């Protein structure tokens, strides 16, 4: 059997596989998901099912709502199938063979993957501690740079850029697209959306998967200059989201604000509690402003396996040289899950102590 030869830039790519566990899973702390919205939201959609399932999706109302919340014109917003699609469209629109992209490693892997699919050369910079490495980014940018990508709060460390650091990178990256991944900004001390949008070459990418708890709906969005957004619209298909997802997201944005704000406040408390437990056990813990904690701990593999045996999945990074013995642990979604997790963590860490 003669199979077709794949394009060189995708031949070496590995498909994404969610972590598998031989144990029943009760807590998915590897995925950084948010809490489940109340059942009434889905019940309302079922009541409207006739108009939802038989028409092609119209993202206009949700785009207008998001634009109003941000304080920009609707033509500056594009709703996408998760933040992943926004990143993919940006890479297809502004990268090609012969151009390079400057990005964080470690970082959100889809940024580098989408850039590679577009044919760009990847120029990584390292941000594992302290201030944002502005000088390293400066040295990586040249006339062939088509995109500079920053993530704040950073994934997987949770580190956050300051306003001055973002402005410095924006000035350095003129002539390229500045991709500003703000997936976790709802949990941060400062939302830098407005700062980024002061620059015409900046594209903000956000999601409703984290603080709003809508990961299963796959709703993300991009916000930027109208010309940039127009190019992103042209770089993909017209109906990438389901009508049901768009409708549910619009309803939840209009009614779920108090729920979301209470969840964010709880995450900040849970984040501090988890960090304290790990530090008490002698682990290194990064100062996170996201909904997760990154830790480096001796016996990380054993901790990962012990949590999985109790039905709790966390994120490990096998094979990444900068993340050896590291685990990224998302905050549990509610108080009961937090109690179960902390009890399990304390028992396992106590058993690992010399």
Protein backbone atom coordinates (compact mmCIF):
# COMPACT_ATOMS: atom_id res chain seq x y z
CA UNK A 1 0.00 0.00 0.00
CA UNK A 2 1.47 3.36 -1.04
CA UNK A 3 0.41 6.12 1.31
CA UNK A 4 0.72 9.77 0.29
CA UNK A 5 3.78 11.63 1.56
CA UNK A 6 2.92 14.29 4.16
CA UNK A 7 4.27 17.81 3.95
CA UNK A 8 7.67 18.11 5.59
CA UNK A 9 6.50 20.63 8.20
CA UNK A 10 3.85 18.25 9.55
CA UNK A 11 5.63 14.94 9.01
CA UNK A 12 7.39 15.11 12.38
CA UNK A 13 4.48 16.52 14.37
CA UNK A 14 2.91 14.36 17.04
CA UNK A 15 -0.85 14.35 17.57
CA UNK A 16 -2.11 15.55 20.93
CA UNK A 17 -3.14 12.81 23.33
CA UNK A 18 -4.82 13.55 26.62
CA UNK A 19 -3.05 11.88 29.54
CA UNK A 20 -4.32 8.36 30.07
CA UNK A 21 -4.72 6.72 33.46
CA UNK A 22 -5.46 3.12 34.37
CA UNK A 23 -7.46 4.45 37.34
CA UNK A 24 -10.92 6.05 37.37
CA UNK A 25 -10.47 9.82 37.05
CA UNK A 26 -12.34 12.04 39.49
CA UNK A 27 -10.32 15.28 39.21
CA UNK A 28 -8.82 16.64 35.96
CA UNK A 29 -6.23 19.04 37.36
CA UNK A 30 -3.94 18.54 34.35
CA UNK A 31 -6.21 20.53 32.04
CA UNK A 32 -6.62 23.85 33.90
CA UNK A 33 -10.37 23.77 33.39
CA UNK A 34 -12.88 25.96 35.20
CA UNK A 35 -15.97 25.06 37.23
CA UNK A 36 -19.15 23.73 35.70
CA UNK A 37 -21.82 26.41 35.14
CA UNK A 38 -25.24 25.73 36.70
CA UNK A 39 -27.54 23.19 35.00
CA UNK A 40 -30.08 25.93 34.25
CA UNK A 41 -27.81 27.22 31.50
CA UNK A 42 -28.01 23.97 29.52
CA UNK A 43 -31.70 23.60 30.31
CA UNK A 44 -32.32 26.99 28.73
CA UNK A 45 -30.51 25.89 25.58
CA UNK A 46 -32.59 22.71 25.32
CA UNK A 47 -35.72 24.84 25.43
CA UNK A 48 -34.36 26.77 22.46
CA UNK A 49 -33.08 23.70 20.59
CA UNK A 50 -35.21 24.16 17.48
CA UNK A 51 -33.56 27.44 16.55
CA UNK A 52 -30.12 26.30 17.63
CA UNK A 53 -29.56 23.01 15.83
CA UNK A 54 -30.88 23.69 12.33
CA UNK A 55 -29.13 26.95 11.39
CA UNK A 56 -25.53 27.71 10.50
CA UNK A 57 -23.86 29.57 13.36
CA UNK A 58 -23.81 33.35 13.55
CA UNK A 59 -21.00 34.60 15.80
CA UNK A 60 -22.03 38.25 15.39
CA UNK A 61 -24.03 38.61 18.62
CA UNK A 62 -21.28 37.06 20.75
CA UNK A 63 -18.62 39.15 19.02
CA UNK A 64 -20.66 42.30 19.72
CA UNK A 65 -21.05 41.32 23.37
CA UNK A 66 -17.32 40.63 23.78
CA UNK A 67 -16.45 43.89 22.03
CA UNK A 68 -18.74 45.80 24.39
CA UNK A 69 -17.10 44.17 27.42
CA UNK A 70 -13.63 45.07 26.15
CA UNK A 71 -14.66 48.54 25.02
CA UNK A 72 -13.87 48.25 21.31
CA UNK A 73 -15.82 48.15 18.03
CA UNK A 74 -17.20 44.73 17.00
CA UNK A 75 -14.98 44.65 13.89
CA UNK A 76 -12.01 44.38 16.23
CA UNK A 77 -13.15 41.01 17.63
CA UNK A 78 -13.17 37.54 16.09
CA UNK A 79 -14.74 34.59 17.93
CA UNK A 80 -12.90 31.33 17.28
CA UNK A 81 -13.10 27.64 18.14
CA UNK A 82 -11.02 28.00 21.27
CA UNK A 83 -7.93 30.16 21.57
CA UNK A 84 -6.14 27.47 19.54
CA UNK A 85 -7.99 28.47 16.37
CA UNK A 86 -7.20 32.16 16.90
CA UNK A 87 -3.50 31.28 17.20
CA UNK A 88 -3.65 29.03 14.14
CA UNK A 89 -5.33 31.72 12.04
CA UNK A 90 -2.76 34.30 13.17
CA UNK A 91 0.10 32.01 12.19
CA UNK A 92 -1.42 31.28 8.79
CA UNK A 93 -2.03 34.98 8.19
CA UNK A 94 1.39 36.29 9.23
CA UNK A 95 3.89 33.44 8.96
CA UNK A 96 5.28 31.49 6.01
CA UNK A 97 8.52 29.80 4.93
CA UNK A 98 11.32 32.35 5.15
CA UNK A 99 9.82 34.12 8.18
CA UNK A 100 10.56 33.39 11.81
CA UNK A 101 8.57 33.56 15.02
CA UNK A 102 9.94 34.50 18.44
CA UNK A 103 8.24 32.54 21.21
CA UNK A 104 8.62 31.25 24.74
CA UNK A 105 10.01 27.79 25.46
CA UNK A 106 8.58 26.38 27.62
CA UNK A 107 5.25 27.85 26.66
CA UNK A 108 1.86 26.97 25.24
CA UNK A 109 2.79 24.28 22.75
CA UNK A 110 0.13 25.19 20.18
CA UNK A 111 1.86 28.49 19.42
CA UNK A 112 5.02 26.76 18.24
CA UNK A 113 3.10 23.96 16.54
CA UNK A 114 0.90 26.34 14.53
CA UNK A 115 3.93 28.43 13.59
CA UNK A 116 5.70 25.32 12.38
CA UNK A 117 2.69 24.28 10.31
CA UNK A 118 2.81 27.72 8.67
CA UNK A 119 6.43 27.02 7.69
CA UNK A 120 8.11 29.54 10.00
CA UNK A 121 11.40 29.04 11.80
CA UNK A 122 10.99 29.10 15.56
CA UNK A 123 13.31 31.23 17.72
CA UNK A 124 12.66 30.39 21.38
CA UNK A 125 13.45 32.52 24.39
CA UNK A 126 13.47 31.27 27.97
CA UNK A 127 11.32 32.71 30.76
CA UNK A 128 11.52 30.49 33.81
CA UNK A 129 11.97 33.03 36.59
CA UNK A 130 12.13 36.71 37.45
CA UNK A 131 11.48 39.55 35.05
CA UNK A 132 10.43 39.02 31.46
CA UNK A 133 13.55 38.47 29.26
CA UNK A 134 13.14 41.57 27.11
CA UNK A 135 16.77 41.66 26.02
CA UNK A 136 16.68 38.04 24.86
CA UNK A 137 13.59 38.83 22.78
CA UNK A 138 15.32 41.90 21.35
CA UNK A 139 18.24 39.79 20.19
CA UNK A 140 15.95 37.24 18.54
CA UNK A 141 14.03 39.75 16.41
CA UNK A 142 15.29 40.61 12.93
CA UNK A 143 13.93 41.72 9.56
CA UNK A 144 12.53 38.24 8.94
CA UNK A 145 10.45 38.09 12.14
CA UNK A 146 6.77 37.73 11.34
CA UNK A 147 5.49 37.16 14.87
CA UNK A 148 6.56 37.72 18.45
CA UNK A 149 4.49 35.73 20.95
CA UNK A 150 4.17 36.42 24.67
CA UNK A 151 2.04 34.62 27.27
CA UNK A 152 0.96 36.35 30.47
CA UNK A 153 0.30 34.86 32.91
CA UNK A 154 2.83 32.48 31.47
CA UNK A 155 2.04 28.84 30.83
CA UNK A 156 3.37 26.71 32.53
CA UNK A 157 5.04 28.90 35.19
CA UNK A 158 2.23 31.34 35.99
CA UNK A 159 4.65 34.29 35.87
CA UNK A 160 3.08 37.59 34.78
CA UNK A 161 4.45 40.47 32.74
CA UNK A 162 4.30 44.03 34.00
CA UNK A 163 2.76 46.81 31.94
CA UNK A 164 6.24 48.23 31.31
CA UNK A 165 7.53 44.86 30.09
CA UNK A 166 4.63 44.44 27.67
CA UNK A 167 5.14 47.96 26.34
CA UNK A 168 8.85 47.30 25.84
CA UNK A 169 8.14 44.16 23.81
CA UNK A 170 5.48 46.01 21.81
CA UNK A 171 8.01 48.66 20.85
CA UNK A 172 10.61 46.03 19.92
CA UNK A 173 8.21 44.03 17.77
CA UNK A 174 6.94 46.78 15.44
CA UNK A 175 6.86 45.37 11.92
CA UNK A 176 5.80 41.93 13.18
CA UNK A 177 2.55 40.67 14.69
CA UNK A 178 2.69 40.77 18.49
CA UNK A 179 0.61 37.82 19.71
CA UNK A 180 -0.41 38.37 23.34
CA UNK A 181 -1.83 35.19 24.85
CA UNK A 182 -4.00 36.22 27.82
CA UNK A 183 -5.77 32.90 28.42
CA UNK A 184 -5.21 33.16 32.18
CA UNK A 185 -5.52 36.91 32.63
CA UNK A 186 -8.76 36.69 34.65
CA UNK A 187 -6.73 35.22 37.53
CA UNK A 188 -3.92 37.80 37.37
CA UNK A 189 -3.40 40.92 39.46
CA UNK A 190 -3.63 43.07 36.30
CA UNK A 191 -5.42 42.54 32.98
CA UNK A 192 -3.15 43.84 30.21
CA UNK A 193 -5.73 43.67 27.41
CA UNK A 194 -6.13 47.45 27.22
CA UNK A 195 -2.37 48.01 27.21
CA UNK A 196 -1.83 45.56 24.36
CA UNK A 197 -4.62 47.06 22.26
CA UNK A 198 -2.94 50.45 22.30
CA UNK A 199 -0.58 48.99 19.67
CA UNK A 200 -1.89 48.44 16.15
CA UNK A 201 0.35 45.42 15.56
CA UNK A 202 -0.82 43.59 18.71
CA UNK A 203 -3.32 40.74 18.69
CA UNK A 204 -4.83 39.71 22.03
CA UNK A 205 -5.99 36.10 22.31
CA UNK A 206 -8.34 35.08 25.12
CA UNK A 207 -10.61 32.18 26.02
CA UNK A 208 -13.78 31.33 27.91
CA UNK A 209 -12.36 27.91 28.84
CA UNK A 210 -10.69 28.90 32.11
CA UNK A 211 -12.35 31.43 34.42
CA UNK A 212 -15.74 31.10 32.68
CA UNK A 213 -15.72 27.28 32.81
CA UNK A 214 -16.70 26.71 29.17
CA UNK A 215 -13.81 24.53 27.96
CA UNK A 216 -16.18 22.02 26.37
CA UNK A 217 -17.80 24.70 24.22
CA UNK A 218 -14.47 25.64 22.57
CA UNK A 219 -14.97 29.39 22.58
CA UNK A 220 -11.98 31.68 22.26
CA UNK A 221 -11.54 35.06 20.68
CA UNK A 222 -9.00 37.42 19.21
CA UNK A 223 -9.02 41.20 19.48
CA UNK A 224 -6.90 43.62 17.51
CA UNK A 225 -6.77 46.22 14.76
CA UNK A 226 -9.65 45.79 12.25
CA UNK A 227 -7.22 45.00 9.40
CA UNK A 228 -5.51 42.30 11.47
CA UNK A 229 -8.86 40.80 12.44
CA UNK A 230 -9.99 40.91 8.80
CA UNK A 231 -6.92 38.90 7.78
CA UNK A 232 -7.66 36.35 10.49
CA UNK A 233 -11.25 36.03 9.24
CA UNK A 234 -9.91 35.25 5.78
CA UNK A 235 -7.44 32.66 7.12
CA UNK A 236 -10.06 30.06 8.06
CA UNK A 237 -13.52 28.72 7.43
CA UNK A 238 -16.74 30.63 8.13
CA UNK A 239 -18.44 28.16 10.49
CA UNK A 240 -15.85 26.74 12.87
CA UNK A 241 -18.07 26.99 15.99
CA UNK A 242 -21.37 25.33 16.81
CA UNK A 243 -24.50 27.44 17.19
CA UNK A 244 -25.13 25.84 20.58
CA UNK A 245 -21.68 26.87 21.82
CA UNK A 246 -22.14 30.45 20.66
CA UNK A 247 -25.58 30.69 22.24
CA UNK A 248 -24.49 29.20 25.57
CA UNK A 249 -21.42 31.42 25.74
CA UNK A 250 -23.50 34.53 25.11
CA UNK A 251 -26.01 33.59 27.80
CA UNK A 252 -23.28 32.83 30.34
CA UNK A 253 -21.38 36.05 29.68
CA UNK A 254 -24.59 37.98 30.31
CA UNK A 255 -25.57 36.17 33.52
CA UNK A 256 -22.52 34.43 34.95
CA UNK A 257 -20.36 37.38 36.01
CA UNK A 258 -20.91 36.97 39.78
CA UNK A 259 -20.26 33.22 39.51
CA UNK A 260 -17.03 33.83 37.60
CA UNK A 261 -15.75 36.51 39.98
CA UNK A 262 -16.42 34.29 43.01
CA UNK A 263 -14.55 31.45 41.33
CA UNK A 264 -11.55 33.66 40.55
CA UNK A 265 -11.40 34.81 44.17
CA UNK A 266 -11.53 31.20 45.34
CA UNK A 267 -8.78 30.20 42.91
CA UNK A 268 -6.44 32.82 44.37
CA UNK A 269 -6.97 31.37 47.84
CA UNK A 270 -6.61 27.76 46.66
CA UNK A 271 -3.48 28.64 44.69
CA UNK A 272 -1.84 30.03 47.84
CA UNK A 273 -2.87 26.98 49.90
CA UNK A 274 -1.46 24.49 47.39
CA UNK A 275 1.76 26.48 47.08
CA UNK A 276 2.16 26.50 50.88
CA UNK A 277 1.69 22.73 51.13
CA UNK A 278 4.32 22.14 48.48
CA UNK A 279 6.81 24.60 49.97
CA UNK A 280 6.39 23.00 53.39
CA UNK A 281 7.44 19.74 51.75
CA UNK A 282 10.63 21.36 50.41
CA UNK A 283 9.42 21.81 46.82
CA UNK A 284 10.22 24.75 44.57
CA UNK A 285 7.06 26.66 43.68
CA UNK A 286 6.76 29.39 41.05
CA UNK A 287 4.86 32.59 41.98
CA UNK A 288 1.80 31.96 39.82
CA UNK A 289 -0.87 34.43 38.74
CA UNK A 290 -2.77 31.75 36.78
CA UNK A 291 -5.22 29.10 37.99
CA UNK A 292 -2.43 26.59 38.51
CA UNK A 293 0.80 26.12 40.42
CA UNK A 294 4.04 24.88 38.87
CA UNK A 295 6.29 22.98 41.23
CA UNK A 296 9.64 21.21 41.01
CA UNK A 297 9.86 18.47 43.58
CA UNK A 298 12.08 15.48 44.18
CA UNK A 299 10.06 12.39 43.38
CA UNK A 300 7.73 14.23 41.00
CA UNK A 301 6.99 11.05 39.06
CA UNK A 302 6.02 9.22 42.23
CA UNK A 303 3.78 12.10 43.31
CA UNK A 304 2.16 12.14 39.87
CA UNK A 305 1.51 8.39 40.02
CA UNK A 306 0.20 8.49 43.58
CA UNK A 307 -2.25 11.27 42.74
CA UNK A 308 -3.39 9.39 39.64
CA UNK A 309 -4.01 6.30 41.75
CA UNK A 310 -6.46 8.44 43.74
CA UNK A 311 -8.16 9.62 40.56
CA UNK A 312 -6.39 12.99 40.41
CA UNK A 313 -4.59 13.91 37.19
CA UNK A 314 -1.93 16.66 37.13
CA UNK A 315 0.32 17.79 34.29
CA UNK A 316 3.81 16.34 33.95
CA UNK A 317 6.37 17.30 31.29
CA UNK A 318 8.29 14.16 30.37
CA UNK A 319 11.29 14.83 28.16
CA UNK A 320 11.36 18.63 28.53
CA UNK A 321 14.84 19.52 29.81
CA UNK A 322 13.73 22.74 31.51
CA UNK A 323 10.81 21.09 33.30
CA UNK A 324 12.48 18.02 34.75
CA UNK A 325 10.76 16.93 38.00
CA UNK A 326 8.07 19.57 37.44
CA UNK A 327 4.31 19.21 37.82
CA UNK A 328 1.67 21.77 36.92
CA UNK A 329 -1.28 21.48 39.29
CA UNK A 330 -4.49 23.33 38.50
CA UNK A 331 -6.62 24.56 41.38
CA UNK A 332 -9.58 22.26 42.09
CA UNK A 333 -12.88 23.69 40.83
CA UNK A 334 -14.83 23.78 44.11
CA UNK A 335 -14.43 23.64 47.88
CA UNK A 336 -15.13 19.91 48.24
CA UNK A 337 -12.68 19.01 45.48
CA UNK A 338 -10.12 21.28 47.15
CA UNK A 339 -10.55 19.45 50.48
CA UNK A 340 -10.15 16.07 48.80
CA UNK A 341 -7.09 17.20 46.88
CA UNK A 342 -5.32 18.81 49.85
CA UNK A 343 -5.94 15.75 52.00
CA UNK A 344 -4.49 13.51 49.28
CA UNK A 345 -1.52 15.83 48.72
CA UNK A 346 -0.71 16.02 52.44
CA UNK A 347 -0.89 12.24 52.84
CA UNK A 348 1.30 11.55 49.81
CA UNK A 349 3.87 14.22 50.68
CA UNK A 350 3.96 12.94 54.25
CA UNK A 351 4.70 9.45 53.00
CA UNK A 352 7.46 10.76 50.72
CA UNK A 353 9.29 12.60 53.53
CA UNK A 354 12.58 10.99 54.61
